[in-house]
Amino acid sequence: GKEREVVATLEDGAFTITREADSVRGRFTISKDSAQKT
C-alpha cells in the first residue's frame, strides 16, 4: 500500500559515494564488493 522508496544509493566512479535515507541512516549500510559482483 505504499510507494517504492529509496533506502540507500552507491555511486561507483573514481571513488565510492554512499548515501542512506534518513529513516535508515545509522542502522543500514550499503556497500559493494566488485570481486564478488554483489
PDB file of all heavy atoms in Angstrom:
ATOM      1  N   GLY A   1       0.776  -1.221   0.000  1.00  0.00           N
ATOM      2  CA  GLY A   1       0.000   0.000   0.000  1.00  0.00           C
ATOM      3  C   GLY A   1       0.811   1.276   0.000  1.00  0.00           C
ATOM      4  O   GLY A   1       0.237   2.364   0.080  1.00  0.00           O
ATOM      5  N   LYS A   2       2.119   1.169  -0.092  1.00  0.00           N
ATOM      6  CA  LYS A   2       2.975   2.339  -0.084  1.00  0.00           C
ATOM      7  C   LYS A   2       3.815   2.399  -1.351  1.00  0.00           C
ATOM      8  O   LYS A   2       3.996   1.406  -2.044  1.00  0.00           O
ATOM      9  CB  LYS A   2       3.888   2.340   1.141  1.00  0.00           C
ATOM     10  CG  LYS A   2       3.160   2.333   2.470  1.00  0.00           C
ATOM     11  CD  LYS A   2       4.111   2.495   3.631  1.00  0.00           C
ATOM     12  CE  LYS A   2       4.744   3.868   3.646  1.00  0.00           C
ATOM     13  NZ  LYS A   2       5.622   4.069   4.835  1.00  0.00           N
ATOM     14  N   GLU A   3       4.305   3.592  -1.642  1.00  0.00           N
ATOM     15  CA  GLU A   3       5.149   3.779  -2.808  1.00  0.00           C
ATOM     16  C   GLU A   3       6.543   3.228  -2.556  1.00  0.00           C
ATOM     17  O   GLU A   3       7.003   3.138  -1.422  1.00  0.00           O
ATOM     18  CB  GLU A   3       5.237   5.262  -3.171  1.00  0.00           C
ATOM     19  CG  GLU A   3       3.929   5.882  -3.616  1.00  0.00           C
ATOM     20  CD  GLU A   3       4.095   7.323  -4.046  1.00  0.00           C
ATOM     21  OE1 GLU A   3       5.172   7.895  -3.822  1.00  0.00           O
ATOM     22  OE2 GLU A   3       3.143   7.874  -4.622  1.00  0.00           O
ATOM     23  N   ARG A   4       7.196   2.871  -3.635  1.00  0.00           N
ATOM     24  CA  ARG A   4       8.564   2.411  -3.539  1.00  0.00           C
ATOM     25  C   ARG A   4       9.459   3.585  -3.149  1.00  0.00           C
ATOM     26  O   ARG A   4       9.366   4.670  -3.721  1.00  0.00           O
ATOM     27  CB  ARG A   4       9.006   1.809  -4.868  1.00  0.00           C
ATOM     28  CG  ARG A   4      10.328   1.075  -4.814  1.00  0.00           C
ATOM     29  CD  ARG A   4      10.539   0.238  -6.072  1.00  0.00           C
ATOM     30  NE  ARG A   4       9.499  -0.773  -6.226  1.00  0.00           N
ATOM     31  CZ  ARG A   4       9.523  -1.722  -7.148  1.00  0.00           C
ATOM     32  NH1 ARG A   4      10.535  -1.806  -8.008  1.00  0.00           N
ATOM     33  NH2 ARG A   4       8.526  -2.594  -7.229  1.00  0.00           N
ATOM     34  N   GLU A   5      10.325   3.381  -2.178  1.00  0.00           N
ATOM     35  CA  GLU A   5      11.177   4.444  -1.691  1.00  0.00           C
ATOM     36  C   GLU A   5      12.628   4.003  -1.646  1.00  0.00           C
ATOM     37  O   GLU A   5      12.937   2.831  -1.434  1.00  0.00           O
ATOM     38  CB  GLU A   5      10.738   4.895  -0.292  1.00  0.00           C
ATOM     39  CG  GLU A   5      10.881   3.830   0.776  1.00  0.00           C
ATOM     40  CD  GLU A   5      10.530   4.330   2.162  1.00  0.00           C
ATOM     41  OE1 GLU A   5      10.173   5.516   2.306  1.00  0.00           O
ATOM     42  OE2 GLU A   5      10.607   3.532   3.117  1.00  0.00           O
ATOM     43  N   VAL A   6      13.501   4.976  -1.823  1.00  0.00           N
ATOM     44  CA  VAL A   6      14.920   4.681  -1.800  1.00  0.00           C
ATOM     45  C   VAL A   6      15.376   4.400  -0.377  1.00  0.00           C
ATOM     46  O   VAL A   6      14.914   5.032   0.576  1.00  0.00           O
ATOM     47  CB  VAL A   6      15.732   5.847  -2.409  1.00  0.00           C
ATOM     48  CG1 VAL A   6      15.631   7.100  -1.557  1.00  0.00           C
ATOM     49  CG2 VAL A   6      17.178   5.436  -2.620  1.00  0.00           C
ATOM     50  N   VAL A   7      16.242   3.434  -0.236  1.00  0.00           N
ATOM     51  CA  VAL A   7      16.836   3.095   1.046  1.00  0.00           C
ATOM     52  C   VAL A   7      18.265   3.602   1.112  1.00  0.00           C
ATOM     53  O   VAL A   7      18.673   4.242   2.083  1.00  0.00           O
ATOM     54  CB  VAL A   7      16.795   1.580   1.296  1.00  0.00           C
ATOM     55  CG1 VAL A   7      17.520   1.221   2.596  1.00  0.00           C
ATOM     56  CG2 VAL A   7      15.353   1.085   1.325  1.00  0.00           C
ATOM     57  N   ALA A   8      19.025   3.321   0.076  1.00  0.00           N
ATOM     58  CA  ALA A   8      20.418   3.737   0.017  1.00  0.00           C
ATOM     59  C   ALA A   8      20.903   3.666  -1.416  1.00  0.00           C
ATOM     60  O   ALA A   8      20.415   2.867  -2.211  1.00  0.00           O
ATOM     61  CB  ALA A   8      21.290   2.862   0.919  1.00  0.00           C
ATOM     62  N   THR A   9      21.858   4.508  -1.737  1.00  0.00           N
ATOM     63  CA  THR A   9      22.452   4.519  -3.074  1.00  0.00           C
ATOM     64  C   THR A   9      23.963   4.454  -2.964  1.00  0.00           C
ATOM     65  O   THR A   9      24.556   4.863  -1.961  1.00  0.00           O
ATOM     66  CB  THR A   9      22.059   5.776  -3.867  1.00  0.00           C
ATOM     67  OG1 THR A   9      22.519   6.943  -3.181  1.00  0.00           O
ATOM     68  CG2 THR A   9      20.552   5.855  -4.056  1.00  0.00           C
ATOM     69  N   LEU A  10      24.571   3.957  -4.016  1.00  0.00           N
ATOM     70  CA  LEU A  10      26.022   3.860  -4.082  1.00  0.00           C
ATOM     71  C   LEU A  10      26.488   4.259  -5.473  1.00  0.00           C
ATOM     72  O   LEU A  10      26.135   3.615  -6.461  1.00  0.00           O
ATOM     73  CB  LEU A  10      26.480   2.438  -3.741  1.00  0.00           C
ATOM     74  CG  LEU A  10      27.992   2.188  -3.632  1.00  0.00           C
ATOM     75  CD1 LEU A  10      28.276   1.075  -2.634  1.00  0.00           C
ATOM     76  CD2 LEU A  10      28.592   1.816  -4.991  1.00  0.00           C
ATOM     77  N   GLU A  11      27.266   5.341  -5.546  1.00  0.00           N
ATOM     78  CA  GLU A  11      27.891   5.783  -6.781  1.00  0.00           C
ATOM     79  C   GLU A  11      29.303   5.249  -6.822  1.00  0.00           C
ATOM     80  O   GLU A  11      30.069   5.439  -5.878  1.00  0.00           O
ATOM     81  CB  GLU A  11      27.902   7.311  -6.867  1.00  0.00           C
ATOM     82  CG  GLU A  11      26.537   7.950  -6.898  1.00  0.00           C
ATOM     83  CD  GLU A  11      26.605   9.462  -6.901  1.00  0.00           C
ATOM     84  OE1 GLU A  11      27.733  10.010  -6.968  1.00  0.00           O
ATOM     85  OE2 GLU A  11      25.543  10.101  -6.834  1.00  0.00           O
ATOM     86  N   ASP A  12      29.638   4.584  -7.889  1.00  0.00           N
ATOM     87  CA  ASP A  12      30.937   3.934  -8.003  1.00  0.00           C
ATOM     88  C   ASP A  12      31.649   4.441  -9.256  1.00  0.00           C
ATOM     89  O   ASP A  12      31.478   3.897 -10.344  1.00  0.00           O
ATOM     90  CB  ASP A  12      30.771   2.423  -8.050  1.00  0.00           C
ATOM     91  CG  ASP A  12      32.096   1.692  -7.904  1.00  0.00           C
ATOM     92  OD1 ASP A  12      33.112   2.346  -7.649  1.00  0.00           O
ATOM     93  OD2 ASP A  12      32.087   0.453  -8.040  1.00  0.00           O
ATOM     94  N   GLY A  13      32.434   5.488  -9.081  1.00  0.00           N
ATOM     95  CA  GLY A  13      33.210   6.049 -10.178  1.00  0.00           C
ATOM     96  C   GLY A  13      34.678   6.029  -9.827  1.00  0.00           C
ATOM     97  O   GLY A  13      35.251   4.968  -9.565  1.00  0.00           O
ATOM     98  N   ALA A  14      35.286   7.213  -9.820  1.00  0.00           N
ATOM     99  CA  ALA A  14      36.674   7.308  -9.393  1.00  0.00           C
ATOM    100  C   ALA A  14      36.816   6.909  -7.926  1.00  0.00           C
ATOM    101  O   ALA A  14      37.855   6.396  -7.509  1.00  0.00           O
ATOM    102  CB  ALA A  14      37.197   8.721  -9.611  1.00  0.00           C
ATOM    103  N   PHE A  15      35.764   7.148  -7.165  1.00  0.00           N
ATOM    104  CA  PHE A  15      35.691   6.715  -5.786  1.00  0.00           C
ATOM    105  C   PHE A  15      34.225   6.445  -5.465  1.00  0.00           C
ATOM    106  O   PHE A  15      33.336   6.772  -6.249  1.00  0.00           O
ATOM    107  CB  PHE A  15      36.291   7.761  -4.833  1.00  0.00           C
ATOM    108  CG  PHE A  15      35.698   9.130  -4.963  1.00  0.00           C
ATOM    109  CD1 PHE A  15      34.668   9.532  -4.141  1.00  0.00           C
ATOM    110  CD2 PHE A  15      36.181  10.020  -5.908  1.00  0.00           C
ATOM    111  CE1 PHE A  15      34.123  10.800  -4.249  1.00  0.00           C
ATOM    112  CE2 PHE A  15      35.642  11.289  -6.034  1.00  0.00           C
ATOM    113  CZ  PHE A  15      34.603  11.672  -5.197  1.00  0.00           C
ATOM    114  N   THR A  16      33.994   5.857  -4.329  1.00  0.00           N
ATOM    115  CA  THR A  16      32.654   5.433  -3.966  1.00  0.00           C
ATOM    116  C   THR A  16      31.969   6.443  -3.061  1.00  0.00           C
ATOM    117  O   THR A  16      32.547   6.912  -2.080  1.00  0.00           O
ATOM    118  CB  THR A  16      32.695   4.068  -3.266  1.00  0.00           C
ATOM    119  OG1 THR A  16      33.290   3.109  -4.145  1.00  0.00           O
ATOM    120  CG2 THR A  16      31.289   3.609  -2.904  1.00  0.00           C
ATOM    121  N   ILE A  17      30.725   6.776  -3.413  1.00  0.00           N
ATOM    122  CA  ILE A  17      29.906   7.662  -2.603  1.00  0.00           C
ATOM    123  C   ILE A  17      28.648   6.917  -2.212  1.00  0.00           C
ATOM    124  O   ILE A  17      27.936   6.403  -3.073  1.00  0.00           O
ATOM    125  CB  ILE A  17      29.545   8.949  -3.364  1.00  0.00           C
ATOM    126  CG1 ILE A  17      30.801   9.718  -3.769  1.00  0.00           C
ATOM    127  CG2 ILE A  17      28.627   9.824  -2.513  1.00  0.00           C
ATOM    128  CD1 ILE A  17      30.519  10.939  -4.618  1.00  0.00           C
ATOM    129  N   THR A  18      28.383   6.858  -0.934  1.00  0.00           N
ATOM    130  CA  THR A  18      27.192   6.193  -0.444  1.00  0.00           C
ATOM    131  C   THR A  18      26.283   7.180   0.271  1.00  0.00           C
ATOM    132  O   THR A  18      26.747   8.119   0.919  1.00  0.00           O
ATOM    133  CB  THR A  18      27.538   5.041   0.511  1.00  0.00           C
ATOM    134  OG1 THR A  18      28.263   5.553   1.640  1.00  0.00           O
ATOM    135  CG2 THR A  18      28.381   3.998  -0.195  1.00  0.00           C
ATOM    136  N   ARG A  19      24.998   6.958   0.139  1.00  0.00           N
ATOM    137  CA  ARG A  19      24.001   7.773   0.811  1.00  0.00           C
ATOM    138  C   ARG A  19      22.912   6.860   1.341  1.00  0.00           C
ATOM    139  O   ARG A  19      22.554   5.879   0.705  1.00  0.00           O
ATOM    140  CB  ARG A  19      23.400   8.816  -0.129  1.00  0.00           C
ATOM    141  CG  ARG A  19      24.389   9.841  -0.658  1.00  0.00           C
ATOM    142  CD  ARG A  19      23.700  10.853  -1.564  1.00  0.00           C
ATOM    143  NE  ARG A  19      24.620  11.874  -2.043  1.00  0.00           N
ATOM    144  CZ  ARG A  19      25.331  11.769  -3.149  1.00  0.00           C
ATOM    145  NH1 ARG A  19      25.232  10.673  -3.905  1.00  0.00           N
ATOM    146  NH2 ARG A  19      26.150  12.744  -3.515  1.00  0.00           N
ATOM    147  N   GLU A  20      22.406   7.184   2.496  1.00  0.00           N
ATOM    148  CA  GLU A  20      21.323   6.427   3.103  1.00  0.00           C
ATOM    149  C   GLU A  20      20.150   7.350   3.397  1.00  0.00           C
ATOM    150  O   GLU A  20      20.339   8.524   3.718  1.00  0.00           O
ATOM    151  CB  GLU A  20      21.779   5.754   4.399  1.00  0.00           C
ATOM    152  CG  GLU A  20      22.891   4.727   4.231  1.00  0.00           C
ATOM    153  CD  GLU A  20      24.268   5.354   4.187  1.00  0.00           C
ATOM    154  OE1 GLU A  20      24.482   6.383   4.870  1.00  0.00           O
ATOM    155  OE2 GLU A  20      25.142   4.830   3.470  1.00  0.00           O
ATOM    156  N   ALA A  21      18.963   6.815   3.281  1.00  0.00           N
ATOM    157  CA  ALA A  21      17.771   7.575   3.598  1.00  0.00           C
ATOM    158  C   ALA A  21      17.762   7.922   5.084  1.00  0.00           C
ATOM    159  O   ALA A  21      18.335   7.204   5.911  1.00  0.00           O
ATOM    160  CB  ALA A  21      16.520   6.787   3.233  1.00  0.00           C
ATOM    161  N   ASP A  22      17.110   9.017   5.409  1.00  0.00           N
ATOM    162  CA  ASP A  22      17.057   9.461   6.796  1.00  0.00           C
ATOM    163  C   ASP A  22      16.495   8.382   7.719  1.00  0.00           C
ATOM    164  O   ASP A  22      16.926   8.247   8.868  1.00  0.00           O
ATOM    165  CB  ASP A  22      16.211  10.728   6.923  1.00  0.00           C
ATOM    166  CG  ASP A  22      16.867  11.934   6.291  1.00  0.00           C
ATOM    167  OD1 ASP A  22      18.086  11.888   6.024  1.00  0.00           O
ATOM    168  OD2 ASP A  22      16.162  12.936   6.055  1.00  0.00           O
ATOM    169  N   SER A  23      15.541   7.627   7.214  1.00  0.00           N
ATOM    170  CA  SER A  23      14.870   6.638   8.033  1.00  0.00           C
ATOM    171  C   SER A  23      15.762   5.460   8.416  1.00  0.00           C
ATOM    172  O   SER A  23      15.457   4.735   9.361  1.00  0.00           O
ATOM    173  CB  SER A  23      13.620   6.123   7.315  1.00  0.00           C
ATOM    174  OG  SER A  23      13.962   5.529   6.076  1.00  0.00           O
ATOM    175  N   VAL A  24      16.862   5.274   7.688  1.00  0.00           N
ATOM    176  CA  VAL A  24      17.732   4.131   7.953  1.00  0.00           C
ATOM    177  C   VAL A  24      19.153   4.530   8.306  1.00  0.00           C
ATOM    178  O   VAL A  24      19.957   3.656   8.673  1.00  0.00           O
ATOM    179  CB  VAL A  24      17.762   3.159   6.759  1.00  0.00           C
ATOM    180  CG1 VAL A  24      16.352   2.749   6.362  1.00  0.00           C
ATOM    181  CG2 VAL A  24      18.488   3.776   5.571  1.00  0.00           C
ATOM    182  N   ARG A  25      19.458   5.798   8.206  1.00  0.00           N
ATOM    183  CA  ARG A  25      20.814   6.254   8.463  1.00  0.00           C
ATOM    184  C   ARG A  25      21.253   5.883   9.881  1.00  0.00           C
ATOM    185  O   ARG A  25      20.538   6.118  10.846  1.00  0.00           O
ATOM    186  CB  ARG A  25      20.935   7.760   8.251  1.00  0.00           C
ATOM    187  CG  ARG A  25      22.383   8.270   8.307  1.00  0.00           C
ATOM    188  CD  ARG A  25      22.475   9.744   7.928  1.00  0.00           C
ATOM    189  NE  ARG A  25      22.057   9.977   6.559  1.00  0.00           N
ATOM    190  CZ  ARG A  25      20.991  10.674   6.215  1.00  0.00           C
ATOM    191  NH1 ARG A  25      20.234  11.235   7.155  1.00  0.00           N
ATOM    192  NH2 ARG A  25      20.678  10.828   4.944  1.00  0.00           N
ATOM    193  N   GLY A  26      22.442   5.317   9.972  1.00  0.00           N
ATOM    194  CA  GLY A  26      22.951   4.870  11.252  1.00  0.00           C
ATOM    195  C   GLY A  26      22.615   3.434  11.561  1.00  0.00           C
ATOM    196  O   GLY A  26      23.204   2.841  12.477  1.00  0.00           O
ATOM    197  N   ARG A  27      21.669   2.858  10.824  1.00  0.00           N
ATOM    198  CA  ARG A  27      21.275   1.473  11.027  1.00  0.00           C
ATOM    199  C   ARG A  27      21.620   0.596   9.826  1.00  0.00           C
ATOM    200  O   ARG A  27      21.986  -0.565   9.993  1.00  0.00           O
ATOM    201  CB  ARG A  27      19.779   1.371  11.302  1.00  0.00           C
ATOM    202  CG  ARG A  27      19.331   2.128  12.551  1.00  0.00           C
ATOM    203  CD  ARG A  27      17.869   1.853  12.862  1.00  0.00           C
ATOM    204  NE  ARG A  27      16.985   2.316  11.794  1.00  0.00           N
ATOM    205  CZ  ARG A  27      16.182   1.522  11.087  1.00  0.00           C
ATOM    206  NH1 ARG A  27      16.139   0.217  11.350  1.00  0.00           N
ATOM    207  NH2 ARG A  27      15.399   2.025  10.144  1.00  0.00           N
ATOM    208  N   PHE A  28      21.481   1.147   8.624  1.00  0.00           N
ATOM    209  CA  PHE A  28      21.758   0.405   7.400  1.00  0.00           C
ATOM    210  C   PHE A  28      23.050   0.900   6.775  1.00  0.00           C
ATOM    211  O   PHE A  28      23.366   2.090   6.820  1.00  0.00           O
ATOM    212  CB  PHE A  28      20.634   0.584   6.373  1.00  0.00           C
ATOM    213  CG  PHE A  28      19.320  -0.043   6.753  1.00  0.00           C
ATOM    214  CD1 PHE A  28      19.101  -0.558   8.018  1.00  0.00           C
ATOM    215  CD2 PHE A  28      18.305  -0.113   5.810  1.00  0.00           C
ATOM    216  CE1 PHE A  28      17.887  -1.130   8.363  1.00  0.00           C
ATOM    217  CE2 PHE A  28      17.094  -0.682   6.138  1.00  0.00           C
ATOM    218  CZ  PHE A  28      16.878  -1.189   7.407  1.00  0.00           C
ATOM    219  N   THR A  29      23.769  -0.010   6.153  1.00  0.00           N
ATOM    220  CA  THR A  29      24.996   0.339   5.451  1.00  0.00           C
ATOM    221  C   THR A  29      25.017  -0.328   4.087  1.00  0.00           C
ATOM    222  O   THR A  29      24.906  -1.552   3.992  1.00  0.00           O
ATOM    223  CB  THR A  29      26.239  -0.090   6.244  1.00  0.00           C
ATOM    224  OG1 THR A  29      26.226   0.505   7.542  1.00  0.00           O
ATOM    225  CG2 THR A  29      27.510   0.342   5.511  1.00  0.00           C
ATOM    226  N   ILE A  30      25.155   0.476   3.046  1.00  0.00           N
ATOM    227  CA  ILE A  30      25.243  -0.055   1.700  1.00  0.00           C
ATOM    228  C   ILE A  30      26.710  -0.199   1.325  1.00  0.00           C
ATOM    229  O   ILE A  30      27.547   0.637   1.678  1.00  0.00           O
ATOM    230  CB  ILE A  30      24.501   0.845   0.686  1.00  0.00           C
ATOM    231  CG1 ILE A  30      24.433   0.174  -0.692  1.00  0.00           C
ATOM    232  CG2 ILE A  30      25.156   2.218   0.585  1.00  0.00           C
ATOM    233  CD1 ILE A  30      23.544   0.912  -1.691  1.00  0.00           C
ATOM    234  N   SER A  31      27.038  -1.260   0.629  1.00  0.00           N
ATOM    235  CA  SER A  31      28.408  -1.492   0.205  1.00  0.00           C
ATOM    236  C   SER A  31      28.408  -2.313  -1.071  1.00  0.00           C
ATOM    237  O   SER A  31      27.392  -2.892  -1.455  1.00  0.00           O
ATOM    238  CB  SER A  31      29.220  -2.194   1.299  1.00  0.00           C
ATOM    239  OG  SER A  31      28.680  -3.477   1.586  1.00  0.00           O
ATOM    240  N   LYS A  32      29.558  -2.355  -1.710  1.00  0.00           N
ATOM    241  CA  LYS A  32      29.695  -3.073  -2.969  1.00  0.00           C
ATOM    242  C   LYS A  32      30.978  -3.876  -2.954  1.00  0.00           C
ATOM    243  O   LYS A  32      32.028  -3.376  -2.557  1.00  0.00           O
ATOM    244  CB  LYS A  32      29.683  -2.080  -4.134  1.00  0.00           C
ATOM    245  CG  LYS A  32      29.672  -2.691  -5.519  1.00  0.00           C
ATOM    246  CD  LYS A  32      29.610  -1.585  -6.566  1.00  0.00           C
ATOM    247  CE  LYS A  32      29.558  -2.121  -7.972  1.00  0.00           C
ATOM    248  NZ  LYS A  32      29.502  -1.012  -8.967  1.00  0.00           N
ATOM    249  N   ASP A  33      30.877  -5.110  -3.387  1.00  0.00           N
ATOM    250  CA  ASP A  33      32.029  -5.995  -3.489  1.00  0.00           C
ATOM    251  C   ASP A  33      32.241  -6.291  -4.967  1.00  0.00           C
ATOM    252  O   ASP A  33      31.558  -7.133  -5.540  1.00  0.00           O
ATOM    253  CB  ASP A  33      31.802  -7.277  -2.695  1.00  0.00           C
ATOM    254  CG  ASP A  33      33.047  -8.134  -2.601  1.00  0.00           C
ATOM    255  OD1 ASP A  33      33.891  -8.088  -3.511  1.00  0.00           O
ATOM    256  OD2 ASP A  33      33.184  -8.866  -1.603  1.00  0.00           O
ATOM    257  N   SER A  34      33.184  -5.588  -5.577  1.00  0.00           N
ATOM    258  CA  SER A  34      33.411  -5.737  -7.011  1.00  0.00           C
ATOM    259  C   SER A  34      33.941  -7.119  -7.369  1.00  0.00           C
ATOM    260  O   SER A  34      33.647  -7.631  -8.445  1.00  0.00           O
ATOM    261  CB  SER A  34      34.390  -4.666  -7.494  1.00  0.00           C
ATOM    262  OG  SER A  34      33.858  -3.370  -7.306  1.00  0.00           O
ATOM    263  N   ALA A  35      34.727  -7.707  -6.484  1.00  0.00           N
ATOM    264  CA  ALA A  35      35.278  -9.031  -6.748  1.00  0.00           C
ATOM    265  C   ALA A  35      34.181 -10.083  -6.823  1.00  0.00           C
ATOM    266  O   ALA A  35      34.229 -10.982  -7.663  1.00  0.00           O
ATOM    267  CB  ALA A  35      36.302  -9.397  -5.682  1.00  0.00           C
ATOM    268  N   GLN A  36      33.204  -9.975  -5.944  1.00  0.00           N
ATOM    269  CA  GLN A  36      32.096 -10.921  -5.927  1.00  0.00           C
ATOM    270  C   GLN A  36      30.915 -10.460  -6.767  1.00  0.00           C
ATOM    271  O   GLN A  36      29.937 -11.202  -6.915  1.00  0.00           O
ATOM    272  CB  GLN A  36      31.642 -11.169  -4.491  1.00  0.00           C
ATOM    273  CG  GLN A  36      32.687 -11.828  -3.609  1.00  0.00           C
ATOM    274  CD  GLN A  36      32.150 -12.185  -2.240  1.00  0.00           C
ATOM    275  OE1 GLN A  36      30.985 -11.932  -1.923  1.00  0.00           O
ATOM    276  NE2 GLN A  36      32.991 -12.780  -1.422  1.00  0.00           N
ATOM    277  N   LYS A  37      30.998  -9.253  -7.287  1.00  0.00           N
ATOM    278  CA  LYS A  37      29.905  -8.665  -8.063  1.00  0.00           C
ATOM    279  C   LYS A  37      28.608  -8.664  -7.272  1.00  0.00           C
ATOM    280  O   LYS A  37      27.569  -9.158  -7.725  1.00  0.00           O
ATOM    281  CB  LYS A  37      29.728  -9.391  -9.399  1.00  0.00           C
ATOM    282  CG  LYS A  37      30.831  -9.126 -10.397  1.00  0.00           C
ATOM    283  CD  LYS A  37      30.469  -9.690 -11.764  1.00  0.00           C
ATOM    284  CE  LYS A  37      31.481  -9.305 -12.811  1.00  0.00           C
ATOM    285  NZ  LYS A  37      31.099  -9.795 -14.162  1.00  0.00           N
ATOM    286  N   THR A  38      28.677  -8.116  -6.093  1.00  0.00           N
ATOM    287  CA  THR A  38      27.497  -8.034  -5.249  1.00  0.00           C
ATOM    288  C   THR A  38      27.359  -6.644  -4.637  1.00  0.00           C
ATOM    289  O   THR A  38      28.344  -6.017  -4.255  1.00  0.00           O
ATOM    290  CB  THR A  38      27.529  -9.065  -4.110  1.00  0.00           C
ATOM    291  OG1 THR A  38      28.706  -8.880  -3.317  1.00  0.00           O
ATOM    292  CG2 THR A  38      27.504 -10.475  -4.652  1.00  0.00           C
TER     293      THR A  38
END
